Amino acid sequence: GSIIALLGANGAGKTTLIRAVNGTLPIASGEIFIE
């Protein structure tokens, strides 16, 4: 039910974060959970 707006200057890592959440970019550390 929620929307998060991801803001920042060019090169801040916004698209990188989206790709990580979608599983198309590997992460070096940490974890992502879906449902």
PDB file of all heavy atoms in Angstrom:
ATOM      1  N   GLY A   1       0.787  -1.221   0.000  1.00  0.00           N
ATOM      2  CA  GLY A   1       0.000   0.000   0.000  1.00  0.00           C
ATOM      3  C   GLY A   1       0.819   1.272   0.000  1.00  0.00           C
ATOM      4  O   GLY A   1       0.246   2.369  -0.017  1.00  0.00           O
ATOM      5  N   SER A   2       2.139   1.157   0.007  1.00  0.00           N
ATOM      6  CA  SER A   2       3.002   2.332   0.154  1.00  0.00           C
ATOM      7  C   SER A   2       3.833   2.611  -1.097  1.00  0.00           C
ATOM      8  O   SER A   2       4.154   1.702  -1.867  1.00  0.00           O
ATOM      9  CB  SER A   2       3.957   2.149   1.338  1.00  0.00           C
ATOM     10  OG  SER A   2       3.238   2.039   2.547  1.00  0.00           O
ATOM     11  N   ILE A   3       4.186   3.876  -1.257  1.00  0.00           N
ATOM     12  CA  ILE A   3       5.085   4.317  -2.315  1.00  0.00           C
ATOM     13  C   ILE A   3       6.288   4.998  -1.678  1.00  0.00           C
ATOM     14  O   ILE A   3       6.131   5.887  -0.836  1.00  0.00           O
ATOM     15  CB  ILE A   3       4.396   5.303  -3.278  1.00  0.00           C
ATOM     16  CG1 ILE A   3       3.232   4.635  -4.011  1.00  0.00           C
ATOM     17  CG2 ILE A   3       5.407   5.862  -4.296  1.00  0.00           C
ATOM     18  CD1 ILE A   3       2.430   5.596  -4.878  1.00  0.00           C
ATOM     19  N   ILE A   4       7.476   4.579  -2.092  1.00  0.00           N
ATOM     20  CA  ILE A   4       8.709   5.268  -1.717  1.00  0.00           C
ATOM     21  C   ILE A   4       9.239   5.981  -2.950  1.00  0.00           C
ATOM     22  O   ILE A   4       9.391   5.367  -4.013  1.00  0.00           O
ATOM     23  CB  ILE A   4       9.780   4.290  -1.188  1.00  0.00           C
ATOM     24  CG1 ILE A   4       9.404   3.780   0.203  1.00  0.00           C
ATOM     25  CG2 ILE A   4      11.156   4.957  -1.142  1.00  0.00           C
ATOM     26  CD1 ILE A   4      10.387   2.765   0.776  1.00  0.00           C
ATOM     27  N   ALA A   5       9.491   7.267  -2.834  1.00  0.00           N
ATOM     28  CA  ALA A   5      10.149   8.030  -3.897  1.00  0.00           C
ATOM     29  C   ALA A   5      11.644   8.059  -3.593  1.00  0.00           C
ATOM     30  O   ALA A   5      12.056   8.419  -2.489  1.00  0.00           O
ATOM     31  CB  ALA A   5       9.590   9.440  -3.979  1.00  0.00           C
ATOM     32  N   LEU A   6      12.426   7.671  -4.577  1.00  0.00           N
ATOM     33  CA  LEU A   6      13.878   7.608  -4.437  1.00  0.00           C
ATOM     34  C   LEU A   6      14.468   8.803  -5.187  1.00  0.00           C
ATOM     35  O   LEU A   6      14.341   8.904  -6.411  1.00  0.00           O
ATOM     36  CB  LEU A   6      14.385   6.291  -5.013  1.00  0.00           C
ATOM     37  CG  LEU A   6      15.813   5.855  -4.726  1.00  0.00           C
ATOM     38  CD1 LEU A   6      16.078   5.761  -3.237  1.00  0.00           C
ATOM     39  CD2 LEU A   6      16.083   4.511  -5.403  1.00  0.00           C
ATOM     40  N   LEU A   7      15.071   9.717  -4.430  1.00  0.00           N
ATOM     41  CA  LEU A   7      15.569  10.959  -4.992  1.00  0.00           C
ATOM     42  C   LEU A   7      17.075  11.073  -4.772  1.00  0.00           C
ATOM     43  O   LEU A   7      17.625  10.520  -3.817  1.00  0.00           O
ATOM     44  CB  LEU A   7      14.880  12.164  -4.347  1.00  0.00           C
ATOM     45  CG  LEU A   7      13.356  12.173  -4.284  1.00  0.00           C
ATOM     46  CD1 LEU A   7      12.879  13.430  -3.565  1.00  0.00           C
ATOM     47  CD2 LEU A   7      12.760  12.099  -5.674  1.00  0.00           C
ATOM     48  N   GLY A   8      17.713  11.833  -5.637  1.00  0.00           N
ATOM     49  CA  GLY A   8      19.136  12.082  -5.485  1.00  0.00           C
ATOM     50  C   GLY A   8      19.711  12.612  -6.778  1.00  0.00           C
ATOM     51  O   GLY A   8      19.096  12.515  -7.846  1.00  0.00           O
ATOM     52  N   ALA A   9      20.906  13.174  -6.691  1.00  0.00           N
ATOM     53  CA  ALA A   9      21.578  13.694  -7.873  1.00  0.00           C
ATOM     54  C   ALA A   9      21.971  12.546  -8.800  1.00  0.00           C
ATOM     55  O   ALA A   9      21.980  11.374  -8.403  1.00  0.00           O
ATOM     56  CB  ALA A   9      22.810  14.497  -7.453  1.00  0.00           C
ATOM     57  N   ASN A  10      22.303  12.868 -10.045  1.00  0.00           N
ATOM     58  CA  ASN A  10      22.789  11.852 -10.974  1.00  0.00           C
ATOM     59  C   ASN A  10      24.022  11.171 -10.389  1.00  0.00           C
ATOM     60  O   ASN A  10      24.917  11.827  -9.857  1.00  0.00           O
ATOM     61  CB  ASN A  10      23.143  12.486 -12.317  1.00  0.00           C
ATOM     62  CG  ASN A  10      21.915  12.982 -13.062  1.00  0.00           C
ATOM     63  OD1 ASN A  10      20.817  12.471 -12.867  1.00  0.00           O
ATOM     64  ND2 ASN A  10      22.099  13.988 -13.903  1.00  0.00           N
ATOM     65  N   GLY A  11      24.053   9.833 -10.496  1.00  0.00           N
ATOM     66  CA  GLY A  11      25.189   9.092  -9.978  1.00  0.00           C
ATOM     67  C   GLY A  11      25.110   8.757  -8.505  1.00  0.00           C
ATOM     68  O   GLY A  11      26.057   8.204  -7.941  1.00  0.00           O
ATOM     69  N   ALA A  12      23.971   9.040  -7.867  1.00  0.00           N
ATOM     70  CA  ALA A  12      23.833   8.790  -6.430  1.00  0.00           C
ATOM     71  C   ALA A  12      23.615   7.315  -6.105  1.00  0.00           C
ATOM     72  O   ALA A  12      23.764   6.911  -4.953  1.00  0.00           O
ATOM     73  CB  ALA A  12      22.682   9.608  -5.856  1.00  0.00           C
ATOM     74  N   GLY A  13      23.241   6.506  -7.115  1.00  0.00           N
ATOM     75  CA  GLY A  13      23.025   5.087  -6.893  1.00  0.00           C
ATOM     76  C   GLY A  13      21.579   4.652  -6.966  1.00  0.00           C
ATOM     77  O   GLY A  13      21.242   3.518  -6.596  1.00  0.00           O
ATOM     78  N   LYS A  14      20.708   5.505  -7.487  1.00  0.00           N
ATOM     79  CA  LYS A  14      19.270   5.206  -7.495  1.00  0.00           C
ATOM     80  C   LYS A  14      18.954   3.997  -8.388  1.00  0.00           C
ATOM     81  O   LYS A  14      18.283   3.057  -7.947  1.00  0.00           O
ATOM     82  CB  LYS A  14      18.492   6.443  -7.958  1.00  0.00           C
ATOM     83  CG  LYS A  14      18.713   7.681  -7.118  1.00  0.00           C
ATOM     84  CD  LYS A  14      17.874   8.850  -7.572  1.00  0.00           C
ATOM     85  CE  LYS A  14      18.166   9.316  -8.986  1.00  0.00           C
ATOM     86  NZ  LYS A  14      19.554   9.830  -9.158  1.00  0.00           N
ATOM     87  N   THR A  15      19.401   4.034  -9.633  1.00  0.00           N
ATOM     88  CA  THR A  15      19.128   2.924 -10.546  1.00  0.00           C
ATOM     89  C   THR A  15      19.825   1.654 -10.080  1.00  0.00           C
ATOM     90  O   THR A  15      19.276   0.548 -10.205  1.00  0.00           O
ATOM     91  CB  THR A  15      19.574   3.295 -11.977  1.00  0.00           C
ATOM     92  OG1 THR A  15      18.788   4.409 -12.431  1.00  0.00           O
ATOM     93  CG2 THR A  15      19.374   2.132 -12.939  1.00  0.00           C
ATOM     94  N   THR A  16      21.005   1.776  -9.524  1.00  0.00           N
ATOM     95  CA  THR A  16      21.708   0.624  -8.972  1.00  0.00           C
ATOM     96  C   THR A  16      20.867  -0.047  -7.892  1.00  0.00           C
ATOM     97  O   THR A  16      20.748  -1.279  -7.843  1.00  0.00           O
ATOM     98  CB  THR A  16      23.068   1.061  -8.378  1.00  0.00           C
ATOM     99  OG1 THR A  16      23.893   1.568  -9.435  1.00  0.00           O
ATOM    100  CG2 THR A  16      23.774  -0.098  -7.707  1.00  0.00           C
ATOM    101  N   LEU A  17      20.244   0.750  -7.048  1.00  0.00           N
ATOM    102  CA  LEU A  17      19.403   0.200  -5.986  1.00  0.00           C
ATOM    103  C   LEU A  17      18.185  -0.519  -6.555  1.00  0.00           C
ATOM    104  O   LEU A  17      17.835  -1.621  -6.114  1.00  0.00           O
ATOM    105  CB  LEU A  17      18.967   1.319  -5.032  1.00  0.00           C
ATOM    106  CG  LEU A  17      18.056   0.927  -3.864  1.00  0.00           C
ATOM    107  CD1 LEU A  17      18.665  -0.198  -3.046  1.00  0.00           C
ATOM    108  CD2 LEU A  17      17.774   2.143  -2.984  1.00  0.00           C
ATOM    109  N   ILE A  18      17.544   0.067  -7.556  1.00  0.00           N
ATOM    110  CA  ILE A  18      16.401  -0.574  -8.210  1.00  0.00           C
ATOM    111  C   ILE A  18      16.809  -1.922  -8.798  1.00  0.00           C
ATOM    112  O   ILE A  18      16.113  -2.934  -8.661  1.00  0.00           O
ATOM    113  CB  ILE A  18      15.838   0.343  -9.320  1.00  0.00           C
ATOM    114  CG1 ILE A  18      15.080   1.530  -8.724  1.00  0.00           C
ATOM    115  CG2 ILE A  18      14.944  -0.442 -10.280  1.00  0.00           C
ATOM    116  CD1 ILE A  18      13.672   1.238  -8.312  1.00  0.00           C
ATOM    117  N   ARG A  19      17.949  -1.968  -9.464  1.00  0.00           N
ATOM    118  CA  ARG A  19      18.415  -3.217 -10.090  1.00  0.00           C
ATOM    119  C   ARG A  19      18.740  -4.270  -9.044  1.00  0.00           C
ATOM    120  O   ARG A  19      18.522  -5.468  -9.265  1.00  0.00           O
ATOM    121  CB  ARG A  19      19.625  -2.930 -10.972  1.00  0.00           C
ATOM    122  CG  ARG A  19      19.312  -2.085 -12.205  1.00  0.00           C
ATOM    123  CD  ARG A  19      20.571  -1.799 -13.009  1.00  0.00           C
ATOM    124  NE  ARG A  19      21.165  -3.031 -13.507  1.00  0.00           N
ATOM    125  CZ  ARG A  19      22.411  -3.123 -13.959  1.00  0.00           C
ATOM    126  NH1 ARG A  19      23.196  -2.059 -13.956  1.00  0.00           N
ATOM    127  NH2 ARG A  19      22.869  -4.276 -14.406  1.00  0.00           N
ATOM    128  N   ALA A  20      19.233  -3.846  -7.899  1.00  0.00           N
ATOM    129  CA  ALA A  20      19.517  -4.802  -6.827  1.00  0.00           C
ATOM    130  C   ALA A  20      18.232  -5.404  -6.279  1.00  0.00           C
ATOM    131  O   ALA A  20      18.139  -6.614  -6.047  1.00  0.00           O
ATOM    132  CB  ALA A  20      20.308  -4.117  -5.721  1.00  0.00           C
ATOM    133  N   VAL A  21      17.221  -4.553  -6.078  1.00  0.00           N
ATOM    134  CA  VAL A  21      15.940  -5.035  -5.546  1.00  0.00           C
ATOM    135  C   VAL A  21      15.272  -5.986  -6.531  1.00  0.00           C
ATOM    136  O   VAL A  21      14.566  -6.920  -6.136  1.00  0.00           O
ATOM    137  CB  VAL A  21      15.029  -3.840  -5.209  1.00  0.00           C
ATOM    138  CG1 VAL A  21      13.628  -4.314  -4.840  1.00  0.00           C
ATOM    139  CG2 VAL A  21      15.616  -3.025  -4.065  1.00  0.00           C
ATOM    140  N   ASN A  22      15.502  -5.781  -7.825  1.00  0.00           N
ATOM    141  CA  ASN A  22      14.938  -6.658  -8.850  1.00  0.00           C
ATOM    142  C   ASN A  22      15.768  -7.924  -9.066  1.00  0.00           C
ATOM    143  O   ASN A  22      15.392  -8.789  -9.853  1.00  0.00           O
ATOM    144  CB  ASN A  22      14.817  -5.885 -10.175  1.00  0.00           C
ATOM    145  CG  ASN A  22      14.045  -6.651 -11.226  1.00  0.00           C
ATOM    146  OD1 ASN A  22      13.060  -7.306 -10.921  1.00  0.00           O
ATOM    147  ND2 ASN A  22      14.499  -6.592 -12.472  1.00  0.00           N
ATOM    148  N   GLY A  23      16.904  -8.021  -8.403  1.00  0.00           N
ATOM    149  CA  GLY A  23      17.731  -9.214  -8.530  1.00  0.00           C
ATOM    150  C   GLY A  23      18.574  -9.277  -9.779  1.00  0.00           C
ATOM    151  O   GLY A  23      19.150 -10.324 -10.088  1.00  0.00           O
ATOM    152  N   THR A  24      18.680  -8.167 -10.524  1.00  0.00           N
ATOM    153  CA  THR A  24      19.493  -8.175 -11.748  1.00  0.00           C
ATOM    154  C   THR A  24      20.907  -7.668 -11.508  1.00  0.00           C
ATOM    155  O   THR A  24      21.712  -7.638 -12.430  1.00  0.00           O
ATOM    156  CB  THR A  24      18.833  -7.325 -12.845  1.00  0.00           C
ATOM    157  OG1 THR A  24      18.629  -5.994 -12.364  1.00  0.00           O
ATOM    158  CG2 THR A  24      17.496  -7.921 -13.257  1.00  0.00           C
ATOM    159  N   LEU A  25      21.206  -7.276 -10.272  1.00  0.00           N
ATOM    160  CA  LEU A  25      22.540  -6.805  -9.928  1.00  0.00           C
ATOM    161  C   LEU A  25      22.923  -7.425  -8.586  1.00  0.00           C
ATOM    162  O   LEU A  25      22.190  -7.278  -7.604  1.00  0.00           O
ATOM    163  CB  LEU A  25      22.556  -5.273  -9.831  1.00  0.00           C
ATOM    164  CG  LEU A  25      23.915  -4.596  -9.682  1.00  0.00           C
ATOM    165  CD1 LEU A  25      24.751  -4.804 -10.939  1.00  0.00           C
ATOM    166  CD2 LEU A  25      23.739  -3.105  -9.425  1.00  0.00           C
ATOM    167  N   PRO A  26      24.045  -8.131  -8.524  1.00  0.00           N
ATOM    168  CA  PRO A  26      24.420  -8.788  -7.264  1.00  0.00           C
ATOM    169  C   PRO A  26      24.853  -7.776  -6.212  1.00  0.00           C
ATOM    170  O   PRO A  26      25.385  -6.712  -6.530  1.00  0.00           O
ATOM    171  CB  PRO A  26      25.596  -9.685  -7.678  1.00  0.00           C
ATOM    172  CG  PRO A  26      26.163  -9.033  -8.896  1.00  0.00           C
ATOM    173  CD  PRO A  26      25.006  -8.409  -9.608  1.00  0.00           C
ATOM    174  N   ILE A  27      24.599  -8.115  -4.964  1.00  0.00           N
ATOM    175  CA  ILE A  27      25.016  -7.258  -3.861  1.00  0.00           C
ATOM    176  C   ILE A  27      26.275  -7.841  -3.225  1.00  0.00           C
ATOM    177  O   ILE A  27      26.478  -9.055  -3.211  1.00  0.00           O
ATOM    178  CB  ILE A  27      23.895  -7.093  -2.812  1.00  0.00           C
ATOM    179  CG1 ILE A  27      23.473  -8.443  -2.220  1.00  0.00           C
ATOM    180  CG2 ILE A  27      22.695  -6.384  -3.438  1.00  0.00           C
ATOM    181  CD1 ILE A  27      22.415  -8.332  -1.153  1.00  0.00           C
ATOM    182  N   ALA A  28      27.114  -6.948  -2.706  1.00  0.00           N
ATOM    183  CA  ALA A  28      28.364  -7.386  -2.075  1.00  0.00           C
ATOM    184  C   ALA A  28      28.121  -7.873  -0.653  1.00  0.00           C
ATOM    185  O   ALA A  28      28.803  -8.785  -0.176  1.00  0.00           O
ATOM    186  CB  ALA A  28      29.376  -6.240  -2.083  1.00  0.00           C
ATOM    187  N   SER A  29      27.153  -7.254   0.024  1.00  0.00           N
ATOM    188  CA  SER A  29      26.825  -7.659   1.390  1.00  0.00           C
ATOM    189  C   SER A  29      25.409  -7.212   1.714  1.00  0.00           C
ATOM    190  O   SER A  29      24.821  -6.397   1.007  1.00  0.00           O
ATOM    191  CB  SER A  29      27.811  -7.048   2.390  1.00  0.00           C
ATOM    192  OG  SER A  29      27.774  -5.630   2.338  1.00  0.00           O
ATOM    193  N   GLY A  30      24.861  -7.752   2.804  1.00  0.00           N
ATOM    194  CA  GLY A  30      23.497  -7.456   3.202  1.00  0.00           C
ATOM    195  C   GLY A  30      22.520  -8.454   2.628  1.00  0.00           C
ATOM    196  O   GLY A  30      22.892  -9.429   1.978  1.00  0.00           O
ATOM    197  N   GLU A  31      21.235  -8.191   2.839  1.00  0.00           N
ATOM    198  CA  GLU A  31      20.181  -9.091   2.366  1.00  0.00           C
ATOM    199  C   GLU A  31      18.976  -8.298   1.890  1.00  0.00           C
ATOM    200  O   GLU A  31      18.697  -7.215   2.402  1.00  0.00           O
ATOM    201  CB  GLU A  31      19.741 -10.044   3.480  1.00  0.00           C
ATOM    202  CG  GLU A  31      20.747 -11.120   3.840  1.00  0.00           C
ATOM    203  CD  GLU A  31      20.179 -12.093   4.859  1.00  0.00           C
ATOM    204  OE1 GLU A  31      19.933 -11.655   5.999  1.00  0.00           O
ATOM    205  OE2 GLU A  31      19.968 -13.272   4.509  1.00  0.00           O
ATOM    206  N   ILE A  32      18.271  -8.881   0.923  1.00  0.00           N
ATOM    207  CA  ILE A  32      17.013  -8.322   0.431  1.00  0.00           C
ATOM    208  C   ILE A  32      15.946  -9.399   0.562  1.00  0.00           C
ATOM    209  O   ILE A  32      16.158 -10.548   0.144  1.00  0.00           O
ATOM    210  CB  ILE A  32      17.128  -7.859  -1.031  1.00  0.00           C
ATOM    211  CG1 ILE A  32      18.189  -6.759  -1.169  1.00  0.00           C
ATOM    212  CG2 ILE A  32      15.774  -7.358  -1.547  1.00  0.00           C
ATOM    213  CD1 ILE A  32      18.488  -6.369  -2.600  1.00  0.00           C
ATOM    214  N   PHE A  33      14.800  -9.042   1.147  1.00  0.00           N
ATOM    215  CA  PHE A  33      13.688  -9.967   1.317  1.00  0.00           C
ATOM    216  C   PHE A  33      12.489  -9.458   0.523  1.00  0.00           C
ATOM    217  O   PHE A  33      12.181  -8.264   0.534  1.00  0.00           O
ATOM    218  CB  PHE A  33      13.286 -10.082   2.793  1.00  0.00           C
ATOM    219  CG  PHE A  33      14.358 -10.665   3.672  1.00  0.00           C
ATOM    220  CD1 PHE A  33      15.359  -9.856   4.193  1.00  0.00           C
ATOM    221  CD2 PHE A  33      14.359 -12.013   3.992  1.00  0.00           C
ATOM    222  CE1 PHE A  33      16.342 -10.380   5.009  1.00  0.00           C
ATOM    223  CE2 PHE A  33      15.339 -12.547   4.810  1.00  0.00           C
ATOM    224  CZ  PHE A  33      16.336 -11.730   5.320  1.00  0.00           C
ATOM    225  N   ILE A  34      11.811 -10.360  -0.161  1.00  0.00           N
ATOM    226  CA  ILE A  34      10.557 -10.059  -0.847  1.00  0.00           C
ATOM    227  C   ILE A  34       9.491 -10.985  -0.289  1.00  0.00           C
ATOM    228  O   ILE A  34       9.617 -12.217  -0.361  1.00  0.00           O
ATOM    229  CB  ILE A  34      10.681 -10.234  -2.366  1.00  0.00           C
ATOM    230  CG1 ILE A  34      11.636  -9.179  -2.940  1.00  0.00           C
ATOM    231  CG2 ILE A  34       9.304 -10.124  -3.034  1.00  0.00           C
ATOM    232  CD1 ILE A  34      11.792  -9.241  -4.439  1.00  0.00           C
ATOM    233  N   GLU A  35       8.478 -10.384   0.302  1.00  0.00           N
ATOM    234  CA  GLU A  35       7.394 -11.125   0.935  1.00  0.00           C
ATOM    235  C   GLU A  35       7.945 -12.176   1.897  1.00  0.00           C
ATOM    236  O   GLU A  35       7.473 -13.321   1.946  1.00  0.00           O
ATOM    237  CB  GLU A  35       6.483 -11.753  -0.123  1.00  0.00           C
ATOM    238  CG  GLU A  35       5.778 -10.701  -0.984  1.00  0.00           C
ATOM    239  CD  GLU A  35       4.876 -11.293  -2.052  1.00  0.00           C
ATOM    240  OE1 GLU A  35       5.030 -12.491  -2.354  1.00  0.00           O
ATOM    241  OE2 GLU A  35       4.029 -10.559  -2.581  1.00  0.00           O
TER     242      GLU A  35
END
